[in-house]
């Protein structure tokens, strides 16, 4: 079995990232999102947006940003997602969400998404990831992120609407 640090991406379009930690996890695949994944992504993120956990994005915005999304699929279900949005020499790790049925499970879907995002960021040539979070700080710190000031953000992010909801900025070198 590979740990998230040992997971290596397949090269090329439609790259799939795999980390197996349990029999159910062995059926979980993280890959670039496709148009057929939009409904599943929306199902996961809408309740979190409505609760103020994630910044709101319209379905139109989601479809425009789809090329930046990764999805974790368990069999035929979108079990989690995240987006890797380019920002200077790094990328924002945004919209990290796991379906409520799979949160906190032995499947480690959040960890798989993070490992795949890190691999994808390195593959593109980014040197760091950053997140804006108001609710999941401890999970990101546990996974190697460090809390920094908003002054560390690229200029275009310093007035980000997520900062208005007391989001903290965390960064991780990749």
Protein backbone atom coordinates (compact mmCIF):
# COMPACT_ATOMS: atom_id res chain seq x y z
CA UNK A 1 0.00 0.00 0.00
CA UNK A 2 1.16 3.50 -0.76
CA UNK A 3 0.91 6.41 1.60
CA UNK A 4 -0.31 9.75 0.20
CA UNK A 5 3.33 10.90 0.03
CA UNK A 6 4.23 7.91 -2.16
CA UNK A 7 1.36 8.30 -4.62
CA UNK A 8 2.59 9.16 -8.09
CA UNK A 9 0.42 10.56 -10.87
CA UNK A 10 0.09 9.03 -14.27
CA UNK A 11 1.28 11.47 -16.92
CA UNK A 12 -0.88 12.98 -19.62
CA UNK A 13 -4.48 13.96 -20.13
CA UNK A 14 -6.97 12.18 -17.90
CA UNK A 15 -4.27 11.44 -15.34
CA UNK A 16 -5.44 9.23 -12.49
CA UNK A 17 -3.98 9.41 -9.00
CA UNK A 18 -4.42 6.41 -6.70
CA UNK A 19 -3.68 5.77 -3.05
CA UNK A 20 -5.05 2.58 -1.46
CA UNK A 21 -5.49 2.23 2.30
CA UNK A 22 -8.55 -0.07 2.64
CA UNK A 23 -10.60 -2.41 0.42
CA UNK A 24 -13.10 0.38 -0.23
CA UNK A 25 -10.29 2.87 -0.76
CA UNK A 26 -8.83 0.58 -3.41
CA UNK A 27 -11.92 1.41 -5.48
CA UNK A 28 -11.39 5.17 -5.04
CA UNK A 29 -9.75 6.96 -7.94
CA UNK A 30 -8.75 10.61 -8.07
CA UNK A 31 -8.65 12.08 -11.55
CA UNK A 32 -9.22 15.31 -13.43
CA UNK A 33 -12.88 16.31 -13.45
CA UNK A 34 -14.96 15.89 -16.57
CA UNK A 35 -18.30 17.39 -17.62
CA UNK A 36 -20.10 14.28 -16.36
CA UNK A 37 -18.81 15.04 -12.83
CA UNK A 38 -20.42 18.50 -12.50
CA UNK A 39 -23.69 17.27 -10.95
CA UNK A 40 -21.78 15.23 -8.35
CA UNK A 41 -19.51 18.16 -7.51
CA UNK A 42 -22.53 20.45 -7.10
CA UNK A 43 -24.22 17.89 -4.82
CA UNK A 44 -21.17 17.92 -2.53
CA UNK A 45 -20.36 21.64 -2.49
CA UNK A 46 -23.83 23.32 -2.43
CA UNK A 47 -24.63 22.44 1.21
CA UNK A 48 -21.15 23.59 2.26
CA UNK A 49 -21.56 26.85 0.33
CA UNK A 50 -24.99 27.41 1.90
CA UNK A 51 -23.48 26.83 5.36
CA UNK A 52 -20.67 29.32 4.64
CA UNK A 53 -17.96 26.64 4.75
CA UNK A 54 -17.01 27.13 1.07
CA UNK A 55 -17.05 30.30 -0.99
CA UNK A 56 -20.03 30.31 -3.33
CA UNK A 57 -19.54 29.66 -7.02
CA UNK A 58 -22.24 29.49 -9.63
CA UNK A 59 -22.70 26.39 -11.75
CA UNK A 60 -21.49 28.50 -14.68
CA UNK A 61 -18.30 29.39 -12.77
CA UNK A 62 -17.84 25.75 -11.82
CA UNK A 63 -18.14 24.70 -15.45
CA UNK A 64 -15.61 27.40 -16.49
CA UNK A 65 -13.17 26.21 -13.79
CA UNK A 66 -13.79 22.49 -14.38
CA UNK A 67 -10.37 21.98 -15.98
CA UNK A 68 -8.84 22.88 -12.59
CA UNK A 69 -10.90 20.37 -10.59
CA UNK A 70 -9.95 16.92 -9.40
CA UNK A 71 -12.59 14.43 -8.29
CA UNK A 72 -12.38 11.37 -6.09
CA UNK A 73 -14.73 8.72 -7.44
CA UNK A 74 -15.70 5.69 -5.42
CA UNK A 75 -17.08 3.26 -7.95
CA UNK A 76 -19.45 5.50 -9.95
CA UNK A 77 -20.02 8.17 -7.25
CA UNK A 78 -18.23 11.51 -6.94
CA UNK A 79 -17.10 11.17 -3.31
CA UNK A 80 -14.95 14.32 -3.15
CA UNK A 81 -13.46 17.19 -5.10
CA UNK A 82 -10.94 20.00 -5.02
CA UNK A 83 -9.71 22.68 -7.38
CA UNK A 84 -6.17 23.78 -8.12
CA UNK A 85 -6.41 27.42 -9.23
CA UNK A 86 -3.16 28.94 -10.61
CA UNK A 87 -1.92 32.02 -8.76
CA UNK A 88 1.58 33.21 -9.61
CA UNK A 89 4.22 30.59 -8.76
CA UNK A 90 1.70 28.63 -6.69
CA UNK A 91 -1.91 27.60 -6.73
CA UNK A 92 -4.91 27.98 -4.51
CA UNK A 93 -6.23 24.66 -3.32
CA UNK A 94 -9.92 25.53 -3.35
CA UNK A 95 -13.26 23.84 -2.93
CA UNK A 96 -11.86 20.87 -1.00
CA UNK A 97 -14.94 18.84 -0.11
CA UNK A 98 -15.87 15.25 0.64
CA UNK A 99 -19.38 13.81 0.45
CA UNK A 100 -20.85 13.59 3.99
CA UNK A 101 -21.11 9.78 3.76
CA UNK A 102 -17.34 9.50 3.35
CA UNK A 103 -16.07 12.24 5.68
CA UNK A 104 -13.78 11.02 8.44
CA UNK A 105 -13.83 7.49 7.08
CA UNK A 106 -10.96 5.07 6.70
CA UNK A 107 -11.11 5.81 2.98
CA UNK A 108 -9.04 8.96 3.48
CA UNK A 109 -10.65 10.67 0.51
CA UNK A 110 -9.55 14.15 1.63
CA UNK A 111 -5.97 12.91 1.94
CA UNK A 112 -6.14 11.34 -1.51
CA UNK A 113 -7.40 14.58 -3.01
CA UNK A 114 -4.62 16.52 -1.29
CA UNK A 115 -1.94 14.08 -2.46
CA UNK A 116 -3.25 14.25 -6.03
CA UNK A 117 -3.39 18.06 -5.91
CA UNK A 118 0.20 18.20 -4.65
CA UNK A 119 1.33 15.85 -7.42
CA UNK A 120 -0.56 17.86 -10.05
CA UNK A 121 0.93 21.12 -8.71
CA UNK A 122 4.47 19.73 -8.93
CA UNK A 123 3.80 18.36 -12.40
CA UNK A 124 2.76 21.83 -13.61
CA UNK A 125 5.72 23.48 -11.88
CA UNK A 126 4.06 25.27 -8.94
CA UNK A 127 6.21 25.62 -5.84
CA UNK A 128 3.45 25.94 -3.23
CA UNK A 129 -0.23 25.55 -2.50
CA UNK A 130 -2.29 27.87 -0.36
CA UNK A 131 -5.76 27.56 1.12
CA UNK A 132 -8.25 30.01 2.55
CA UNK A 133 -10.22 28.26 5.29
CA UNK A 134 -12.49 29.31 8.10
CA UNK A 135 -13.41 25.82 9.30
CA UNK A 136 -10.80 23.15 8.51
CA UNK A 137 -7.58 24.76 9.71
CA UNK A 138 -6.59 21.80 11.90
CA UNK A 139 -6.92 19.29 9.04
CA UNK A 140 -4.68 21.38 6.80
CA UNK A 141 -2.10 21.91 9.56
CA UNK A 142 -2.12 18.14 10.23
CA UNK A 143 -1.38 17.70 6.52
CA UNK A 144 1.66 19.99 6.45
CA UNK A 145 0.21 23.46 5.87
CA UNK A 146 1.42 26.47 7.88
CA UNK A 147 -0.70 29.45 8.91
CA UNK A 148 0.54 32.70 7.32
CA UNK A 149 -0.75 36.26 7.05
CA UNK A 150 -2.93 37.40 4.17
CA UNK A 151 0.04 39.54 3.10
CA UNK A 152 1.65 36.32 1.84
CA UNK A 153 -1.13 35.92 -0.74
CA UNK A 154 -0.76 36.99 -4.36
CA UNK A 155 -2.04 40.57 -4.74
CA UNK A 156 -5.21 39.47 -6.54
CA UNK A 157 -6.24 37.39 -3.51
CA UNK A 158 -5.76 40.00 -0.79
CA UNK A 159 -9.33 41.20 -1.12
CA UNK A 160 -10.81 37.74 -1.67
CA UNK A 161 -14.36 37.41 -0.37
CA UNK A 162 -13.34 34.38 1.72
CA UNK A 163 -11.13 36.64 3.82
CA UNK A 164 -14.24 38.62 4.75
CA UNK A 165 -15.60 35.54 6.52
CA UNK A 166 -12.50 35.32 8.72
CA UNK A 167 -10.79 32.69 6.60
CA UNK A 168 -7.22 31.93 7.55
CA UNK A 169 -4.46 31.60 4.99
CA UNK A 170 -2.35 28.45 5.06
CA UNK A 171 0.51 27.53 2.76
CA UNK A 172 2.48 24.39 1.93
CA UNK A 173 5.55 23.97 -0.24
CA UNK A 174 5.27 21.30 -2.91
